[in-house]
PDB file of N, CA and C in Angstrom:
ATOM      1  N   MET A   1     110.631  89.825  -2.402  1.00  0.00           N
ATOM      2  CA  MET A   1     111.630  89.653  -2.918  1.00  0.00           C
ATOM      3  C   MET A   1     112.499  88.437  -2.132  1.00  0.00           C
ATOM      4  N   PRO A   2     113.049  87.459  -3.203  1.00  0.00           N
ATOM      5  CA  PRO A   2     113.631  86.615  -2.689  1.00  0.00           C
ATOM      6  C   PRO A   2     114.956  86.913  -1.810  1.00  0.00           C
ATOM      7  N   THR A   3     115.784  86.088  -1.162  1.00  0.00           N
ATOM      8  CA  THR A   3     116.628  86.322  -0.289  1.00  0.00           C
ATOM      9  C   THR A   3     118.229  86.529  -0.979  1.00  0.00           C
ATOM     10  N   LEU A   4     118.109  85.769  -2.056  1.00  0.00           N
ATOM     11  CA  LEU A   4     119.333  85.970  -3.027  1.00  0.00           C
ATOM     12  C   LEU A   4     119.296  87.616  -3.676  1.00  0.00           C
ATOM     13  N   PHE A   5     118.281  87.855  -4.180  1.00  0.00           N
ATOM     14  CA  PHE A   5     117.940  89.436  -4.684  1.00  0.00           C
ATOM     15  C   PHE A   5     118.187  90.439  -3.533  1.00  0.00           C
ATOM     16  N   ARG A   6     117.509  90.227  -2.513  1.00  0.00           N
ATOM     17  CA  ARG A   6     117.839  91.051  -1.434  1.00  0.00           C
ATOM     18  C   ARG A   6     119.167  91.084  -1.020  1.00  0.00           C
ATOM     19  N   PHE A   7     119.838  90.099  -1.170  1.00  0.00           N
ATOM     20  CA  PHE A   7     121.388  89.980  -0.265  1.00  0.00           C
ATOM     21  C   PHE A   7     122.256  90.752  -1.533  1.00  0.00           C
ATOM     22  N   LEU A   8     121.873  90.488  -2.928  1.00  0.00           N
ATOM     23  CA  LEU A   8     122.585  91.289  -4.073  1.00  0.00           C
ATOM     24  C   LEU A   8     122.384  92.902  -3.697  1.00  0.00           C
ATOM     25  N   PHE A   9     120.771  93.139  -3.773  1.00  0.00           N
ATOM     26  CA  PHE A   9     120.694  94.459  -3.609  1.00  0.00           C
ATOM     27  C   PHE A   9     121.501  95.304  -2.529  1.00  0.00           C
ATOM     28  N   ILE A  10     121.462  94.737  -1.349  1.00  0.00           N
ATOM     29  CA  ILE A  10     122.233  95.340  -0.446  1.00  0.00           C
ATOM     30  C   ILE A  10     123.990  95.467  -0.757  1.00  0.00           C
ATOM     31  N   CYS A  11     124.285  94.386  -1.302  1.00  0.00           N
ATOM     32  CA  CYS A  11     125.692  94.438  -1.641  1.00  0.00           C
ATOM     33  C   CYS A  11     125.992  95.638  -2.784  1.00  0.00           C
ATOM     34  N   ALA A  12     124.936  95.701  -3.695  1.00  0.00           N
ATOM     35  CA  ALA A  12     125.078  96.782  -4.572  1.00  0.00           C
ATOM     36  C   ALA A  12     125.002  98.176  -3.865  1.00  0.00           C
ATOM     37  N   THR A  13     124.157  98.062  -3.067  1.00  0.00           N
ATOM     38  CA  THR A  13     124.024  99.557  -2.435  1.00  0.00           C
ATOM     39  C   THR A  13     125.070  99.904  -1.578  1.00  0.00           C
ATOM     40  N   ILE A  14     125.674  99.181  -0.765  1.00  0.00           N
ATOM     41  CA  ILE A  14     126.842  99.372   0.064  1.00  0.00           C
ATOM     42  C   ILE A  14     128.001  99.753  -0.920  1.00  0.00           C
ATOM     43  N   ALA A  15     128.149  98.810  -2.130  1.00  0.00           N
ATOM     44  CA  ALA A  15     129.232  99.245  -3.117  1.00  0.00           C
ATOM     45  C   ALA A  15     129.056 100.540  -3.501  1.00  0.00           C
ATOM     46  N   GLY A  16     127.995 101.098  -3.752  1.00  0.00           N
ATOM     47  CA  GLY A  16     127.426 102.346  -4.376  1.00  0.00           C
ATOM     48  C   GLY A  16     127.823 103.329  -3.494  1.00  0.00           C
ATOM     49  N   ILE A  17     127.565 103.260  -2.130  1.00  0.00           N
ATOM     50  CA  ILE A  17     127.935 104.172  -1.147  1.00  0.00           C
ATOM     51  C   ILE A  17     129.240 104.299  -1.198  1.00  0.00           C
ATOM     52  N   ILE A  18     130.141 103.019  -0.812  1.00  0.00           N
ATOM     53  CA  ILE A  18     131.699 103.179  -1.076  1.00  0.00           C
ATOM     54  C   ILE A  18     132.227 103.814  -1.991  1.00  0.00           C
ATOM     55  N   TYR A  19     131.912 103.690  -3.289  1.00  0.00           N
ATOM     56  CA  TYR A  19     132.009 104.342  -4.623  1.00  0.00           C
ATOM     57  C   TYR A  19     131.837 105.728  -4.423  1.00  0.00           C
ATOM     58  N   GLY A  20     130.637 106.228  -3.884  1.00  0.00           N
ATOM     59  CA  GLY A  20     130.438 107.499  -4.035  1.00  0.00           C
ATOM     60  C   GLY A  20     131.251 108.421  -2.994  1.00  0.00           C
ATOM     61  N   ALA A  21     131.511 107.825  -1.745  1.00  0.00           N
ATOM     62  CA  ALA A  21     132.256 108.470  -0.969  1.00  0.00           C
ATOM     63  C   ALA A  21     133.714 108.525  -1.467  1.00  0.00           C
ATOM     64  N   MET A  22     134.467 107.465  -2.230  1.00  0.00           N
ATOM     65  CA  MET A  22     135.712 107.552  -2.615  1.00  0.00           C
ATOM     66  C   MET A  22     135.755 108.749  -3.933  1.00  0.00           C
ATOM     67  N   TRP A  23     134.406 108.879  -4.644  1.00  0.00           N
ATOM     68  CA  TRP A  23     134.517 109.795  -5.705  1.00  0.00           C
ATOM     69  C   TRP A  23     134.563 111.117  -5.156  1.00  0.00           C
ATOM     70  N   SER A  24     133.647 111.395  -4.028  1.00  0.00           N
ATOM     71  CA  SER A  24     133.462 112.854  -3.304  1.00  0.00           C
ATOM     72  C   SER A  24     134.750 112.877  -2.845  1.00  0.00           C
ATOM     73  N   LEU A  25     135.796 112.249  -2.198  1.00  0.00           N
ATOM     74  CA  LEU A  25     137.025 112.421  -1.653  1.00  0.00           C
ATOM     75  C   LEU A  25     137.943 112.791  -2.813  1.00  0.00           C
ATOM     76  N   VAL A  26     137.800 112.238  -3.819  1.00  0.00           N
ATOM     77  CA  VAL A  26     138.634 112.512  -5.174  1.00  0.00           C
ATOM     78  C   VAL A  26     138.490 113.874  -5.658  1.00  0.00           C
ATOM     79  N   THR A  27     137.066 114.146  -5.670  1.00  0.00           N
ATOM     80  CA  THR A  27     136.591 115.514  -6.252  1.00  0.00           C
ATOM     81  C   THR A  27     136.749 116.706  -5.339  1.00  0.00           C
ATOM     82  N   PHE A  28     136.421 116.443  -4.114  1.00  0.00           N
ATOM     83  CA  PHE A  28     136.376 117.652  -3.292  1.00  0.00           C
ATOM     84  C   PHE A  28     137.933 117.924  -2.441  1.00  0.00           C
ATOM     85  N   VAL A  29     138.607 116.956  -2.115  1.00  0.00           N
ATOM     86  CA  VAL A  29     139.845 117.024  -1.277  1.00  0.00           C
ATOM     87  C   VAL A  29     141.150 117.469  -2.118  1.00  0.00           C
ATOM     88  N   GLU A  30     141.715 118.567  -1.920  1.00  0.00           N
ATOM     89  CA  GLU A  30     143.074 118.944  -2.501  1.00  0.00           C
ATOM     90  C   GLU A  30     144.362 118.333  -1.517  1.00  0.00           C
ATOM     91  N   PRO A  31     145.204 117.742  -2.342  1.00  0.00           N
ATOM     92  CA  PRO A  31     146.362 117.559  -1.208  1.00  0.00           C
ATOM     93  C   PRO A  31     147.156 118.714  -1.081  1.00  0.00           C
ATOM     94  N   ARG A  32     147.815 118.894   0.013  1.00  0.00           N
ATOM     95  CA  ARG A  32     148.821 119.774   0.334  1.00  0.00           C
ATOM     96  C   ARG A  32     150.185 119.470  -0.199  1.00  0.00           C
ATOM     97  N   GLU A  33     150.897 120.224  -0.958  1.00  0.00           N
ATOM     98  CA  GLU A  33     152.115 120.087  -1.115  1.00  0.00           C
ATOM     99  C   GLU A  33     153.106 120.560  -0.120  1.00  0.00           C
ATOM    100  N   ARG A  34     154.115 119.585   0.261  1.00  0.00           N
ATOM    101  CA  ARG A  34     155.072 120.188   1.172  1.00  0.00           C
ATOM    102  C   ARG A  34     156.426 119.204   1.177  1.00  0.00           C
ATOM    103  N   GLU A  35     157.515 119.858   1.357  1.00  0.00           N
ATOM    104  CA  GLU A  35     158.577 119.077   1.144  1.00  0.00           C
ATOM    105  C   GLU A  35     158.914 118.109   2.121  1.00  0.00           C
ATOM    106  N   ALA A  36     159.741 117.053   1.686  1.00  0.00           N
ATOM    107  CA  ALA A  36     159.560 115.941   2.416  1.00  0.00           C
ATOM    108  C   ALA A  36     161.250 115.646   2.758  1.00  0.00           C
ATOM    109  N   THR A  37     161.583 115.541   4.049  1.00  0.00           N
ATOM    110  CA  THR A  37     162.975 115.193   4.139  1.00  0.00           C
ATOM    111  C   THR A  37     163.180 113.796   4.721  1.00  0.00           C
ATOM    112  N   ILE A  38     164.096 113.076   4.152  1.00  0.00           N
ATOM    113  CA  ILE A  38     164.160 111.651   4.966  1.00  0.00           C
ATOM    114  C   ILE A  38     165.663 111.301   5.173  1.00  0.00           C
ATOM    115  N   ARG A  39     165.774 111.085   6.508  1.00  0.00           N
ATOM    116  CA  ARG A  39     167.327 111.002   6.956  1.00  0.00           C
ATOM    117  C   ARG A  39     167.520 109.501   6.753  1.00  0.00           C
ATOM    118  N   ILE A  40     168.783 109.097   6.101  1.00  0.00           N
ATOM    119  CA  ILE A  40     169.222 107.898   5.824  1.00  0.00           C
ATOM    120  C   ILE A  40     170.422 107.985   6.644  1.00  0.00           C
ATOM    121  N   PRO A  41     170.785 106.729   7.423  1.00  0.00           N
ATOM    122  CA  PRO A  41     171.904 106.496   8.218  1.00  0.00           C
ATOM    123  C   PRO A  41     173.090 106.459   7.283  1.00  0.00           C
ATOM    124  N   SER A  42     174.351 106.804   7.661  1.00  0.00           N
ATOM    125  CA  SER A  42     175.407 106.803   6.956  1.00  0.00           C
ATOM    126  C   SER A  42     175.993 105.355   6.723  1.00  0.00           C
ATOM    127  N   GLU A  43     175.407 104.697   7.655  1.00  0.00           N
ATOM    128  CA  GLU A  43     175.904 103.172   7.500  1.00  0.00           C
ATOM    129  C   GLU A  43     175.237 102.538   6.182  1.00  0.00           C
ATOM    130  N   ARG A  44     174.108 102.948   5.724  1.00  0.00           N
ATOM    131  CA  ARG A  44     173.399 102.424   4.465  1.00  0.00           C
ATOM    132  C   ARG A  44     174.051 103.123   3.470  1.00  0.00           C
ATOM    133  N   ILE A  45     174.563 104.347   3.484  1.00  0.00           N
ATOM    134  CA  ILE A  45     175.357 105.084   2.125  1.00  0.00           C
ATOM    135  C   ILE A  45     176.645 104.620   1.970  1.00  0.00           C
ATOM    136  N   ASN A  46     177.220 104.498   3.260  1.00  0.00           N
ATOM    137  CA  ASN A  46     178.791 104.186   3.211  1.00  0.00           C
ATOM    138  C   ASN A  46     178.930 102.781   4.185  1.00  0.00           C
ATOM    139  N   PRO A  47     178.701 101.541   3.446  1.00  0.00           N
ATOM    140  CA  PRO A  47     178.792 100.685   4.471  1.00  0.00           C
ATOM    141  C   PRO A  47     180.294 100.182   4.948  1.00  0.00           C
ATOM    142  N   PRO A  48     180.475  99.658   5.817  1.00  0.00           N
ATOM    143  CA  PRO A  48     181.876  99.716   6.669  1.00  0.00           C
ATOM    144  C   PRO A  48     182.489  98.422   5.720  1.00  0.00           C
ATOM    145  N   ALA A  49     183.678  98.694   5.597  1.00  0.00           N
ATOM    146  CA  ALA A  49     184.568  97.776   4.706  1.00  0.00           C
ATOM    147  C   ALA A  49     184.557  96.492   5.540  1.00  0.00           C
ATOM    148  N   ALA A  50     184.495  95.258   4.690  1.00  0.00           N
ATOM    149  CA  ALA A  50     184.602  93.990   4.958  1.00  0.00           C
ATOM    150  C   ALA A  50     186.048  93.671   5.336  1.00  0.00           C
ATOM    151  N   GLU A  51     186.497  93.196   6.394  1.00  0.00           N
ATOM    152  CA  GLU A  51     187.730  92.717   6.584  1.00  0.00           C
ATOM    153  C   GLU A  51     188.072  91.359   6.640  1.00  0.00           C
TER     154      GLU A  51
END
């Protein structure tokens, strides 16, 4: 098998493995829902008055 075909075959194999891993994560892993709380400093909400 010439070198270019071998290289392309290896790249396609690696891409297939990565695609399969991503597909299996999407299919079998369920995200957990939880409440998110983000604290915002009061200076960002009410900026000090410019004098």
